[in-house]
Amino acid sequence: MRPWRDGPGDRRGYHHGNLKEALIEAARRFIAERGIAGFTLVDAARLVGVTPAALYRHFRGREALLEELAGRGFADLAERLARALTSRGTALERFTRMGEAYLAFAEEEPAYYAAIFETRGLHVSIDSPARPSPFDMLVEALRTTFPEGFGGVTPRFIALEVWALAHGLATLSAAGHLPKGPGLPDKYELLRAGVLALVHGAGTGRP
């Protein structure tokens, strides 16, 4: 990412009637570069070059703007997971690619990723109850690609473990806490090994 410049020269103008999109993009940039903890509507207003009062025509507050970011993040992540699930390969390979897509999303869209967990998490579908959440997609993927089951272990349990694995790896990687060096696996290799262990471990009929 390019260095942050917090000043009038960094403001991005917007066309008449497109203030909402300009605010969303400003929030996305700010969160990606500085993190979500310190983000306020005033920051978005400053970047776009409008008064804070102008923001309330489109968003009733900080949470409303984050909900919008989270909703877009859900849609992006769901599309990535769906592509992975319909890709070529064995059932296990396709399911593992869903985990890889999750890691790539967290790395490439840090603002969306942060907004999702700042609001409601992956288990809730924000924009429509009819649309399955990414977690629901993981569960359904396990049920359809492994119809023989997992020795009595519920697919929701396996999906939760895979989600926890992917989220943990994404978080550690973003913080720079994953050990690096010759012979050490990267986050994708760790994910593949973890998914393999979880799926095969469930198939052995563990408690």
N, C-alpha and C. Protein backbone atom coordinates (compact mmCIF):
# COMPACT_ATOMS: atom_id res chain seq x y z
N MET A 1 0.83 -1.19 0.00
CA MET A 1 0.00 0.00 0.00
C MET A 1 0.87 1.24 0.00
N ARG A 2 0.35 2.32 -0.57
CA ARG A 2 1.12 3.54 -0.59
C ARG A 2 1.10 4.17 0.79
N PRO A 3 2.10 5.01 1.11
CA PRO A 3 2.14 5.64 2.42
C PRO A 3 0.91 6.50 2.66
N TRP A 4 0.51 6.60 3.91
CA TRP A 4 -0.66 7.40 4.28
C TRP A 4 -0.28 8.88 4.30
N ARG A 5 -1.13 9.73 3.70
CA ARG A 5 -0.95 11.17 3.78
C ARG A 5 -2.25 11.75 4.30
N ASP A 6 -2.21 12.20 5.53
CA ASP A 6 -3.41 12.71 6.18
C ASP A 6 -3.44 14.23 6.05
N GLY A 7 -3.96 14.70 4.95
CA GLY A 7 -4.03 16.13 4.73
C GLY A 7 -4.91 16.45 3.55
N PRO A 8 -5.12 17.74 3.24
CA PRO A 8 -6.01 18.13 2.15
C PRO A 8 -5.61 17.53 0.82
N GLY A 9 -4.29 17.34 0.60
CA GLY A 9 -3.85 16.78 -0.66
C GLY A 9 -4.24 15.34 -0.85
N ASP A 10 -4.64 14.66 0.23
CA ASP A 10 -5.02 13.26 0.14
C ASP A 10 -6.52 13.09 -0.01
N ARG A 11 -7.26 14.16 0.00
CA ARG A 11 -8.70 14.05 -0.13
C ARG A 11 -9.07 13.63 -1.54
N ARG A 12 -10.05 12.77 -1.63
CA ARG A 12 -10.52 12.32 -2.93
C ARG A 12 -11.88 12.93 -3.20
N GLY A 13 -11.97 13.68 -4.28
CA GLY A 13 -13.23 14.31 -4.60
C GLY A 13 -14.25 13.28 -5.03
N TYR A 14 -15.50 13.71 -5.10
CA TYR A 14 -16.56 12.81 -5.52
C TYR A 14 -17.50 13.57 -6.44
N HIS A 15 -18.14 12.84 -7.33
CA HIS A 15 -19.10 13.44 -8.23
C HIS A 15 -20.42 13.65 -7.50
N HIS A 16 -21.16 14.60 -7.93
CA HIS A 16 -22.44 14.90 -7.30
C HIS A 16 -23.32 13.65 -7.27
N GLY A 17 -23.86 13.35 -6.10
CA GLY A 17 -24.74 12.19 -5.97
C GLY A 17 -24.00 10.91 -5.64
N ASN A 18 -22.68 10.98 -5.54
CA ASN A 18 -21.91 9.76 -5.28
C ASN A 18 -21.14 9.85 -3.96
N LEU A 19 -21.62 10.67 -3.04
CA LEU A 19 -20.95 10.83 -1.76
C LEU A 19 -20.90 9.52 -0.97
N LYS A 20 -21.97 8.74 -1.03
CA LYS A 20 -22.01 7.49 -0.28
C LYS A 20 -20.86 6.57 -0.67
N GLU A 21 -20.64 6.39 -1.97
CA GLU A 21 -19.56 5.51 -2.41
C GLU A 21 -18.20 6.08 -2.04
N ALA A 22 -18.07 7.40 -2.09
CA ALA A 22 -16.80 8.02 -1.72
C ALA A 22 -16.50 7.79 -0.24
N LEU A 23 -17.53 7.86 0.59
CA LEU A 23 -17.34 7.62 2.02
C LEU A 23 -16.96 6.17 2.30
N ILE A 24 -17.61 5.25 1.59
CA ILE A 24 -17.30 3.83 1.77
C ILE A 24 -15.86 3.54 1.38
N GLU A 25 -15.42 4.12 0.27
CA GLU A 25 -14.04 3.90 -0.17
C GLU A 25 -13.05 4.53 0.81
N ALA A 26 -13.40 5.71 1.34
CA ALA A 26 -12.52 6.36 2.31
C ALA A 26 -12.39 5.51 3.57
N ALA A 27 -13.50 4.97 4.04
CA ALA A 27 -13.47 4.11 5.22
C ALA A 27 -12.65 2.86 4.95
N ARG A 28 -12.83 2.32 3.76
CA ARG A 28 -12.09 1.10 3.39
C ARG A 28 -10.59 1.35 3.40
N ARG A 29 -10.17 2.48 2.86
CA ARG A 29 -8.75 2.83 2.83
C ARG A 29 -8.21 3.06 4.22
N PHE A 30 -8.94 3.83 5.02
CA PHE A 30 -8.48 4.16 6.35
C PHE A 30 -8.29 2.91 7.20
N ILE A 31 -9.29 2.03 7.19
CA ILE A 31 -9.24 0.82 8.01
C ILE A 31 -8.13 -0.11 7.54
N ALA A 32 -7.96 -0.22 6.23
CA ALA A 32 -6.91 -1.09 5.69
C ALA A 32 -5.52 -0.62 6.11
N GLU A 33 -5.34 0.69 6.24
CA GLU A 33 -4.01 1.22 6.52
C GLU A 33 -3.76 1.48 8.00
N ARG A 34 -4.84 1.81 8.74
CA ARG A 34 -4.65 2.18 10.14
C ARG A 34 -5.35 1.25 11.13
N GLY A 35 -6.21 0.39 10.65
CA GLY A 35 -6.95 -0.48 11.54
C GLY A 35 -8.31 0.09 11.88
N ILE A 36 -9.16 -0.77 12.40
CA ILE A 36 -10.55 -0.38 12.62
C ILE A 36 -10.77 0.29 13.97
N ALA A 37 -9.89 0.08 14.91
CA ALA A 37 -10.13 0.56 16.28
C ALA A 37 -10.27 2.07 16.34
N GLY A 38 -9.45 2.81 15.59
CA GLY A 38 -9.49 4.26 15.68
C GLY A 38 -10.35 4.94 14.64
N PHE A 39 -11.08 4.16 13.85
CA PHE A 39 -11.84 4.75 12.75
C PHE A 39 -13.09 5.47 13.26
N THR A 40 -13.32 6.68 12.75
CA THR A 40 -14.52 7.44 13.06
C THR A 40 -15.10 8.02 11.77
N LEU A 41 -16.34 8.50 11.85
CA LEU A 41 -16.95 9.14 10.69
C LEU A 41 -16.22 10.43 10.33
N VAL A 42 -15.64 11.08 11.31
CA VAL A 42 -14.89 12.31 11.04
C VAL A 42 -13.70 12.01 10.13
N ASP A 43 -13.08 10.85 10.32
CA ASP A 43 -11.97 10.46 9.45
C ASP A 43 -12.43 10.32 8.01
N ALA A 44 -13.57 9.66 7.81
CA ALA A 44 -14.09 9.50 6.46
C ALA A 44 -14.42 10.85 5.84
N ALA A 45 -15.03 11.74 6.63
CA ALA A 45 -15.38 13.07 6.13
C ALA A 45 -14.13 13.84 5.72
N ARG A 46 -13.09 13.76 6.54
CA ARG A 46 -11.85 14.48 6.24
C ARG A 46 -11.23 13.99 4.93
N LEU A 47 -11.23 12.69 4.72
CA LEU A 47 -10.63 12.14 3.50
C LEU A 47 -11.40 12.54 2.26
N VAL A 48 -12.72 12.56 2.37
CA VAL A 48 -13.55 12.90 1.21
C VAL A 48 -13.58 14.41 0.98
N GLY A 49 -13.41 15.18 2.06
CA GLY A 49 -13.40 16.63 1.92
C GLY A 49 -14.75 17.27 2.15
N VAL A 50 -15.55 16.68 3.06
CA VAL A 50 -16.85 17.25 3.39
C VAL A 50 -16.94 17.42 4.90
N THR A 51 -17.96 18.12 5.35
CA THR A 51 -18.17 18.28 6.79
C THR A 51 -18.78 17.00 7.35
N PRO A 52 -18.52 16.70 8.62
CA PRO A 52 -19.11 15.49 9.23
C PRO A 52 -20.63 15.46 9.11
N ALA A 53 -21.26 16.62 9.14
CA ALA A 53 -22.73 16.67 9.05
C ALA A 53 -23.23 16.08 7.74
N ALA A 54 -22.43 16.20 6.67
CA ALA A 54 -22.86 15.69 5.37
C ALA A 54 -22.96 14.18 5.35
N LEU A 55 -22.21 13.51 6.23
CA LEU A 55 -22.21 12.05 6.25
C LEU A 55 -23.56 11.49 6.68
N TYR A 56 -24.24 12.21 7.55
CA TYR A 56 -25.46 11.67 8.13
C TYR A 56 -26.62 11.64 7.14
N ARG A 57 -26.42 12.16 5.96
CA ARG A 57 -27.41 12.00 4.91
C ARG A 57 -27.42 10.56 4.39
N HIS A 58 -26.32 9.87 4.60
CA HIS A 58 -26.18 8.50 4.08
C HIS A 58 -26.01 7.45 5.17
N PHE A 59 -25.40 7.83 6.29
CA PHE A 59 -25.16 6.87 7.37
C PHE A 59 -25.53 7.52 8.71
N ARG A 60 -26.29 6.81 9.50
CA ARG A 60 -26.74 7.37 10.78
C ARG A 60 -25.64 7.36 11.85
N GLY A 61 -24.54 6.68 11.55
CA GLY A 61 -23.43 6.65 12.50
C GLY A 61 -22.34 5.72 12.03
N ARG A 62 -21.30 5.61 12.86
CA ARG A 62 -20.16 4.76 12.53
C ARG A 62 -20.58 3.32 12.28
N GLU A 63 -21.46 2.78 13.12
CA GLU A 63 -21.86 1.39 12.98
C GLU A 63 -22.57 1.13 11.66
N ALA A 64 -23.35 2.11 11.21
CA ALA A 64 -24.06 1.94 9.94
C ALA A 64 -23.08 1.85 8.77
N LEU A 65 -22.03 2.65 8.81
CA LEU A 65 -21.02 2.58 7.76
C LEU A 65 -20.27 1.26 7.82
N LEU A 66 -19.96 0.79 9.02
CA LEU A 66 -19.29 -0.50 9.15
C LEU A 66 -20.19 -1.65 8.70
N GLU A 67 -21.49 -1.53 8.96
CA GLU A 67 -22.44 -2.55 8.48
C GLU A 67 -22.43 -2.62 6.96
N GLU A 68 -22.32 -1.47 6.32
CA GLU A 68 -22.26 -1.45 4.85
C GLU A 68 -20.99 -2.13 4.36
N LEU A 69 -19.87 -1.83 4.99
CA LEU A 69 -18.62 -2.48 4.63
C LEU A 69 -18.70 -3.99 4.85
N ALA A 70 -19.27 -4.39 5.99
CA ALA A 70 -19.38 -5.81 6.30
C ALA A 70 -20.27 -6.52 5.29
N GLY A 71 -21.37 -5.89 4.91
CA GLY A 71 -22.25 -6.50 3.92
C GLY A 71 -21.56 -6.73 2.59
N ARG A 72 -20.76 -5.77 2.16
CA ARG A 72 -20.02 -5.93 0.92
C ARG A 72 -18.94 -6.99 1.07
N GLY A 73 -18.35 -7.03 2.25
CA GLY A 73 -17.35 -8.06 2.50
C GLY A 73 -17.95 -9.45 2.47
N PHE A 74 -19.14 -9.61 3.06
CA PHE A 74 -19.84 -10.89 3.01
C PHE A 74 -20.04 -11.34 1.57
N ALA A 75 -20.51 -10.42 0.73
CA ALA A 75 -20.79 -10.77 -0.66
C ALA A 75 -19.52 -11.19 -1.39
N ASP A 76 -18.44 -10.45 -1.16
CA ASP A 76 -17.16 -10.77 -1.80
C ASP A 76 -16.65 -12.13 -1.33
N LEU A 77 -16.67 -12.36 -0.03
CA LEU A 77 -16.18 -13.63 0.51
C LEU A 77 -17.04 -14.79 0.03
N ALA A 78 -18.35 -14.62 0.04
CA ALA A 78 -19.23 -15.70 -0.41
C ALA A 78 -18.96 -16.06 -1.86
N GLU A 79 -18.70 -15.06 -2.69
CA GLU A 79 -18.40 -15.33 -4.10
C GLU A 79 -17.09 -16.10 -4.25
N ARG A 80 -16.10 -15.74 -3.46
CA ARG A 80 -14.81 -16.44 -3.51
C ARG A 80 -14.97 -17.89 -3.05
N LEU A 81 -15.73 -18.11 -2.00
CA LEU A 81 -15.93 -19.47 -1.50
C LEU A 81 -16.69 -20.31 -2.50
N ALA A 82 -17.68 -19.71 -3.16
CA ALA A 82 -18.46 -20.45 -4.15
C ALA A 82 -17.58 -20.86 -5.33
N ARG A 83 -16.69 -19.97 -5.76
CA ARG A 83 -15.78 -20.32 -6.86
C ARG A 83 -14.86 -21.46 -6.46
N ALA A 84 -14.36 -21.41 -5.24
CA ALA A 84 -13.48 -22.49 -4.77
C ALA A 84 -14.22 -23.81 -4.72
N LEU A 85 -15.45 -23.78 -4.28
CA LEU A 85 -16.22 -25.01 -4.12
C LEU A 85 -16.54 -25.66 -5.46
N THR A 86 -16.68 -24.86 -6.51
CA THR A 86 -17.02 -25.39 -7.83
C THR A 86 -15.79 -25.59 -8.72
N SER A 87 -14.59 -25.42 -8.15
CA SER A 87 -13.38 -25.62 -8.94
C SER A 87 -13.12 -27.11 -9.14
N ARG A 88 -12.08 -27.40 -9.89
CA ARG A 88 -11.76 -28.78 -10.19
C ARG A 88 -11.03 -29.44 -9.01
N GLY A 89 -11.01 -30.76 -9.05
CA GLY A 89 -10.28 -31.49 -8.03
C GLY A 89 -11.17 -32.37 -7.20
N THR A 90 -10.57 -33.04 -6.23
CA THR A 90 -11.33 -33.92 -5.35
C THR A 90 -12.15 -33.09 -4.37
N ALA A 91 -13.03 -33.76 -3.65
CA ALA A 91 -13.86 -33.07 -2.65
C ALA A 91 -12.99 -32.38 -1.61
N LEU A 92 -11.96 -33.07 -1.15
CA LEU A 92 -11.09 -32.49 -0.14
C LEU A 92 -10.31 -31.29 -0.69
N GLU A 93 -9.87 -31.39 -1.94
CA GLU A 93 -9.14 -30.28 -2.56
C GLU A 93 -10.03 -29.06 -2.70
N ARG A 94 -11.26 -29.27 -3.11
CA ARG A 94 -12.17 -28.14 -3.28
C ARG A 94 -12.49 -27.49 -1.93
N PHE A 95 -12.72 -28.32 -0.93
CA PHE A 95 -13.02 -27.78 0.39
C PHE A 95 -11.81 -27.02 0.95
N THR A 96 -10.62 -27.55 0.72
CA THR A 96 -9.41 -26.88 1.18
C THR A 96 -9.23 -25.54 0.48
N ARG A 97 -9.60 -25.47 -0.79
CA ARG A 97 -9.51 -24.20 -1.51
C ARG A 97 -10.43 -23.15 -0.93
N MET A 98 -11.52 -23.57 -0.30
CA MET A 98 -12.39 -22.61 0.37
C MET A 98 -11.63 -21.95 1.52
N GLY A 99 -10.86 -22.75 2.25
CA GLY A 99 -10.04 -22.19 3.31
C GLY A 99 -8.96 -21.26 2.78
N GLU A 100 -8.37 -21.64 1.65
CA GLU A 100 -7.36 -20.80 1.03
C GLU A 100 -7.97 -19.49 0.55
N ALA A 101 -9.18 -19.57 0.01
CA ALA A 101 -9.87 -18.35 -0.43
C ALA A 101 -10.15 -17.43 0.75
N TYR A 102 -10.46 -18.01 1.89
CA TYR A 102 -10.69 -17.23 3.11
C TYR A 102 -9.42 -16.47 3.51
N LEU A 103 -8.28 -17.16 3.48
CA LEU A 103 -7.02 -16.52 3.83
C LEU A 103 -6.68 -15.41 2.85
N ALA A 104 -6.91 -15.65 1.57
CA ALA A 104 -6.62 -14.63 0.56
C ALA A 104 -7.52 -13.41 0.75
N PHE A 105 -8.79 -13.64 1.07
CA PHE A 105 -9.72 -12.54 1.30
C PHE A 105 -9.25 -11.69 2.49
N ALA A 106 -8.86 -12.32 3.58
CA ALA A 106 -8.41 -11.59 4.76
C ALA A 106 -7.18 -10.75 4.46
N GLU A 107 -6.30 -11.25 3.58
CA GLU A 107 -5.08 -10.52 3.24
C GLU A 107 -5.36 -9.40 2.25
N GLU A 108 -6.20 -9.66 1.27
CA GLU A 108 -6.44 -8.70 0.19
C GLU A 108 -7.48 -7.64 0.54
N GLU A 109 -8.40 -7.97 1.45
CA GLU A 109 -9.46 -7.03 1.83
C GLU A 109 -9.51 -6.86 3.35
N PRO A 110 -8.45 -6.29 3.93
CA PRO A 110 -8.40 -6.19 5.40
C PRO A 110 -9.52 -5.33 5.99
N ALA A 111 -9.98 -4.33 5.25
CA ALA A 111 -11.06 -3.48 5.78
C ALA A 111 -12.37 -4.24 5.83
N TYR A 112 -12.70 -4.96 4.77
CA TYR A 112 -13.90 -5.79 4.77
C TYR A 112 -13.83 -6.82 5.89
N TYR A 113 -12.68 -7.45 6.00
CA TYR A 113 -12.50 -8.51 6.99
C TYR A 113 -12.68 -7.97 8.40
N ALA A 114 -12.08 -6.82 8.67
CA ALA A 114 -12.21 -6.22 9.99
C ALA A 114 -13.65 -5.81 10.28
N ALA A 115 -14.32 -5.26 9.27
CA ALA A 115 -15.70 -4.81 9.46
C ALA A 115 -16.63 -5.98 9.78
N ILE A 116 -16.41 -7.12 9.14
CA ILE A 116 -17.23 -8.30 9.40
C ILE A 116 -17.17 -8.68 10.87
N PHE A 117 -15.99 -8.69 11.43
CA PHE A 117 -15.84 -9.13 12.81
C PHE A 117 -16.12 -8.01 13.81
N GLU A 118 -16.10 -6.78 13.36
CA GLU A 118 -16.49 -5.67 14.22
C GLU A 118 -18.00 -5.64 14.41
N THR A 119 -18.73 -6.17 13.43
CA THR A 119 -20.19 -6.14 13.49
C THR A 119 -20.75 -7.42 14.08
N ARG A 120 -20.90 -8.46 13.26
CA ARG A 120 -21.63 -9.62 13.74
C ARG A 120 -20.93 -10.96 13.55
N GLY A 121 -19.85 -10.99 12.82
CA GLY A 121 -19.18 -12.27 12.63
C GLY A 121 -19.73 -13.05 11.44
N LEU A 122 -19.07 -14.14 11.10
CA LEU A 122 -19.40 -14.89 9.90
C LEU A 122 -20.68 -15.70 10.00
N HIS A 123 -21.22 -15.88 11.18
CA HIS A 123 -22.39 -16.75 11.32
C HIS A 123 -23.68 -16.05 10.97
N VAL A 124 -23.64 -14.76 10.70
CA VAL A 124 -24.86 -14.00 10.42
C VAL A 124 -24.80 -13.46 9.01
N SER A 125 -25.91 -13.58 8.28
CA SER A 125 -26.01 -12.98 6.96
C SER A 125 -26.62 -11.60 7.12
N ILE A 126 -25.87 -10.56 6.76
CA ILE A 126 -26.28 -9.20 7.06
C ILE A 126 -27.39 -8.69 6.14
N ASP A 127 -27.23 -8.88 4.83
CA ASP A 127 -28.13 -8.20 3.92
C ASP A 127 -29.46 -8.91 3.73
N SER A 128 -29.49 -10.23 3.89
CA SER A 128 -30.74 -10.93 3.67
C SER A 128 -30.71 -12.28 4.39
N PRO A 129 -31.76 -12.58 5.16
CA PRO A 129 -31.81 -13.88 5.83
C PRO A 129 -31.82 -15.05 4.85
N ALA A 130 -32.23 -14.76 3.59
CA ALA A 130 -32.31 -15.83 2.59
C ALA A 130 -30.94 -16.20 2.04
N ARG A 131 -29.97 -15.30 2.18
CA ARG A 131 -28.64 -15.58 1.66
C ARG A 131 -27.81 -16.29 2.73
N PRO A 132 -27.25 -17.45 2.41
CA PRO A 132 -26.45 -18.17 3.42
C PRO A 132 -25.18 -17.40 3.75
N SER A 133 -24.78 -17.45 5.00
CA SER A 133 -23.54 -16.80 5.40
C SER A 133 -22.36 -17.66 4.95
N PRO A 134 -21.14 -17.10 4.94
CA PRO A 134 -19.97 -17.91 4.60
C PRO A 134 -19.84 -19.14 5.47
N PHE A 135 -20.18 -19.04 6.76
CA PHE A 135 -20.10 -20.21 7.62
C PHE A 135 -21.11 -21.27 7.18
N ASP A 136 -22.32 -20.86 6.83
CA ASP A 136 -23.31 -21.81 6.33
C ASP A 136 -22.82 -22.49 5.06
N MET A 137 -22.09 -21.74 4.24
CA MET A 137 -21.54 -22.32 3.01
C MET A 137 -20.51 -23.39 3.34
N LEU A 138 -19.70 -23.17 4.37
CA LEU A 138 -18.73 -24.19 4.78
C LEU A 138 -19.44 -25.46 5.22
N VAL A 139 -20.50 -25.29 6.00
CA VAL A 139 -21.25 -26.45 6.48
C VAL A 139 -21.86 -27.22 5.31
N GLU A 140 -22.49 -26.48 4.40
CA GLU A 140 -23.13 -27.14 3.26
C GLU A 140 -22.10 -27.81 2.36
N ALA A 141 -20.93 -27.19 2.22
CA ALA A 141 -19.87 -27.78 1.41
C ALA A 141 -19.42 -29.11 1.99
N LEU A 142 -19.31 -29.18 3.31
CA LEU A 142 -18.93 -30.44 3.95
C LEU A 142 -20.00 -31.50 3.72
N ARG A 143 -21.26 -31.13 3.82
CA ARG A 143 -22.34 -32.10 3.67
C ARG A 143 -22.44 -32.64 2.26
N THR A 144 -22.22 -31.76 1.27
CA THR A 144 -22.39 -32.19 -0.11
C THR A 144 -21.15 -32.88 -0.68
N THR A 145 -19.96 -32.45 -0.26
CA THR A 145 -18.75 -33.06 -0.81
C THR A 145 -18.30 -34.29 -0.04
N PHE A 146 -18.82 -34.46 1.18
CA PHE A 146 -18.51 -35.66 1.96
C PHE A 146 -19.82 -36.30 2.42
N PRO A 147 -20.61 -36.83 1.48
CA PRO A 147 -21.92 -37.38 1.85
C PRO A 147 -21.83 -38.58 2.78
N GLU A 148 -20.68 -39.23 2.83
CA GLU A 148 -20.54 -40.38 3.71
C GLU A 148 -20.44 -39.97 5.18
N GLY A 149 -20.27 -38.68 5.42
CA GLY A 149 -20.23 -38.20 6.79
C GLY A 149 -18.86 -38.31 7.43
N PHE A 150 -18.83 -38.07 8.72
CA PHE A 150 -17.56 -38.03 9.45
C PHE A 150 -17.64 -38.89 10.71
N GLY A 151 -18.11 -40.08 10.56
CA GLY A 151 -18.14 -41.00 11.69
C GLY A 151 -18.99 -40.52 12.84
N GLY A 152 -20.08 -39.86 12.52
CA GLY A 152 -20.98 -39.39 13.56
C GLY A 152 -20.72 -37.98 14.04
N VAL A 153 -19.62 -37.36 13.62
CA VAL A 153 -19.32 -35.98 13.99
C VAL A 153 -20.12 -35.05 13.09
N THR A 154 -20.84 -34.09 13.65
CA THR A 154 -21.67 -33.19 12.86
C THR A 154 -20.82 -32.30 11.96
N PRO A 155 -21.24 -32.08 10.71
CA PRO A 155 -20.48 -31.19 9.81
C PRO A 155 -20.32 -29.78 10.37
N ARG A 156 -21.29 -29.29 11.15
CA ARG A 156 -21.16 -27.95 11.72
C ARG A 156 -19.96 -27.87 12.66
N PHE A 157 -19.68 -28.95 13.35
CA PHE A 157 -18.54 -28.97 14.26
C PHE A 157 -17.23 -28.89 13.47
N ILE A 158 -17.16 -29.67 12.39
CA ILE A 158 -15.95 -29.65 11.55
C ILE A 158 -15.79 -28.28 10.91
N ALA A 159 -16.89 -27.72 10.42
CA ALA A 159 -16.83 -26.40 9.79
C ALA A 159 -16.36 -25.34 10.78
N LEU A 160 -16.81 -25.44 12.01
CA LEU A 160 -16.39 -24.48 13.04
C LEU A 160 -14.89 -24.60 13.31
N GLU A 161 -14.39 -25.83 13.32
CA GLU A 161 -12.95 -26.03 13.53
C GLU A 161 -12.14 -25.46 12.36
N VAL A 162 -12.63 -25.69 11.14
CA VAL A 162 -11.92 -25.17 9.96
C VAL A 162 -11.94 -23.64 9.98
N TRP A 163 -13.08 -23.06 10.32
CA TRP A 163 -13.18 -21.60 10.41
C TRP A 163 -12.20 -21.06 11.45
N ALA A 164 -12.17 -21.70 12.62
CA ALA A 164 -11.26 -21.25 13.68
C ALA A 164 -9.81 -21.35 13.21
N LEU A 165 -9.47 -22.42 12.50
CA LEU A 165 -8.13 -22.58 11.97
C LEU A 165 -7.79 -21.46 10.99
N ALA A 166 -8.68 -21.22 10.02
CA ALA A 166 -8.43 -20.19 9.01
C ALA A 166 -8.36 -18.80 9.63
N HIS A 167 -9.28 -18.53 10.55
CA HIS A 167 -9.30 -17.20 11.18
C HIS A 167 -8.03 -16.99 12.02
N GLY A 168 -7.62 -18.02 12.74
CA GLY A 168 -6.41 -17.90 13.53
C GLY A 168 -5.18 -17.65 12.67
N LEU A 169 -5.07 -18.37 11.58
CA LEU A 169 -3.94 -18.18 10.67
C LEU A 169 -3.96 -16.79 10.05
N ALA A 170 -5.16 -16.34 9.65
CA ALA A 170 -5.28 -15.01 9.04
C ALA A 170 -4.89 -13.93 10.03
N THR A 171 -5.32 -14.08 11.28
CA THR A 171 -5.04 -13.08 12.30
C THR A 171 -3.55 -13.05 12.64
N LEU A 172 -2.96 -14.22 12.84
CA LEU A 172 -1.54 -14.28 13.15
C LEU A 172 -0.69 -13.74 12.00
N SER A 173 -1.08 -14.07 10.78
CA SER A 173 -0.34 -13.60 9.62
C SER A 173 -0.40 -12.09 9.50
N ALA A 174 -1.60 -11.51 9.69
CA ALA A 174 -1.77 -10.06 9.59
C ALA A 174 -0.95 -9.33 10.64
N ALA A 175 -0.81 -9.94 11.82
CA ALA A 175 -0.04 -9.33 12.91
C ALA A 175 1.45 -9.59 12.79
N GLY A 176 1.85 -10.41 11.81
CA GLY A 176 3.26 -10.73 11.64
C GLY A 176 3.80 -11.70 12.67
N HIS A 177 2.91 -12.52 13.24
CA HIS A 177 3.31 -13.42 14.31
C HIS A 177 3.54 -14.86 13.86
N LEU A 178 3.36 -15.14 12.58
CA LEU A 178 3.66 -16.48 12.09
C LEU A 178 5.17 -16.60 11.86
N PRO A 179 5.81 -17.61 12.45
CA PRO A 179 7.25 -17.76 12.25
C PRO A 179 7.59 -17.93 10.77
N LYS A 180 8.66 -17.29 10.33
CA LYS A 180 9.10 -17.39 8.95
C LYS A 180 10.56 -17.78 8.91
N GLY A 181 10.91 -18.49 7.87
CA GLY A 181 12.30 -18.88 7.71
C GLY A 181 12.43 -20.11 6.85
N PRO A 182 13.64 -20.49 6.50
CA PRO A 182 13.86 -21.68 5.66
C PRO A 182 13.26 -22.92 6.30
N GLY A 183 12.49 -23.64 5.50
CA GLY A 183 11.90 -24.89 5.97
C GLY A 183 10.61 -24.74 6.74
N LEU A 184 10.20 -23.51 7.06
CA LEU A 184 8.96 -23.30 7.80
C LEU A 184 7.79 -23.13 6.84
N PRO A 185 6.65 -23.74 7.11
CA PRO A 185 5.50 -23.63 6.20
C PRO A 185 4.86 -22.25 6.27
N ASP A 186 4.27 -21.82 5.14
CA ASP A 186 3.53 -20.56 5.15
C ASP A 186 2.09 -20.83 5.60
N LYS A 187 1.28 -19.81 5.64
CA LYS A 187 -0.08 -19.97 6.18
C LYS A 187 -0.93 -20.90 5.32
N TYR A 188 -0.69 -20.94 4.02
CA TYR A 188 -1.47 -21.82 3.16
C TYR A 188 -1.11 -23.28 3.39
N GLU A 189 0.18 -23.54 3.58
CA GLU A 189 0.60 -24.91 3.88
C GLU A 189 0.07 -25.36 5.23
N LEU A 190 0.09 -24.46 6.20
CA LEU A 190 -0.46 -24.78 7.52
C LEU A 190 -1.95 -25.07 7.43
N LEU A 191 -2.66 -24.29 6.62
CA LEU A 191 -4.09 -24.52 6.45
C LEU A 191 -4.37 -25.88 5.84
N ARG A 192 -3.64 -26.22 4.78
CA ARG A 192 -3.86 -27.52 4.12
C ARG A 192 -3.62 -28.67 5.09
N ALA A 193 -2.55 -28.59 5.85
CA ALA A 193 -2.25 -29.64 6.82
C ALA A 193 -3.33 -29.72 7.89
N GLY A 194 -3.81 -28.56 8.33
CA GLY A 194 -4.83 -28.54 9.36
C GLY A 194 -6.16 -29.10 8.89
N VAL A 195 -6.57 -28.72 7.69
CA VAL A 195 -7.83 -29.23 7.13
C VAL A 195 -7.75 -30.73 6.95
N LEU A 196 -6.64 -31.20 6.44
CA LEU A 196 -6.45 -32.65 6.25
C LEU A 196 -6.57 -33.38 7.58
N ALA A 197 -5.95 -32.84 8.61
CA ALA A 197 -5.99 -33.48 9.93
C ALA A 197 -7.40 -33.45 10.50
N LEU A 198 -8.12 -32.35 10.32
CA LEU A 198 -9.47 -32.24 10.87
C LEU A 198 -10.44 -33.19 10.18
N VAL A 199 -10.38 -33.21 8.85
CA VAL A 199 -11.31 -34.05 8.10
C VAL A 199 -11.02 -35.53 8.35
N HIS A 200 -9.76 -35.91 8.29
CA HIS A 200 -9.43 -37.32 8.52
C HIS A 200 -9.63 -37.71 9.97
N GLY A 201 -9.37 -36.78 10.88
CA GLY A 201 -9.60 -37.06 12.28
C GLY A 201 -11.07 -37.29 12.57
N ALA A 202 -11.93 -36.50 11.91
CA ALA A 202 -13.37 -36.70 12.09
C ALA A 202 -13.81 -38.02 11.50
N GLY A 203 -13.18 -38.41 10.39
CA GLY A 203 -13.57 -39.67 9.76
C GLY A 203 -13.21 -40.90 10.54
N THR A 204 -12.34 -40.75 11.51
CA THR A 204 -11.97 -41.91 12.31
C THR A 204 -12.95 -42.16 13.46
N GLY A 205 -13.97 -41.27 13.56
CA GLY A 205 -14.98 -41.46 14.59
C GLY A 205 -14.54 -41.01 15.95
N ARG A 206 -13.81 -39.90 16.01
CA ARG A 206 -13.37 -39.36 17.29
C ARG A 206 -14.57 -38.93 18.11
N PRO A 207 -14.43 -38.77 19.39
CA PRO A 207 -15.55 -38.33 20.22
C PRO A 207 -15.99 -36.93 19.83
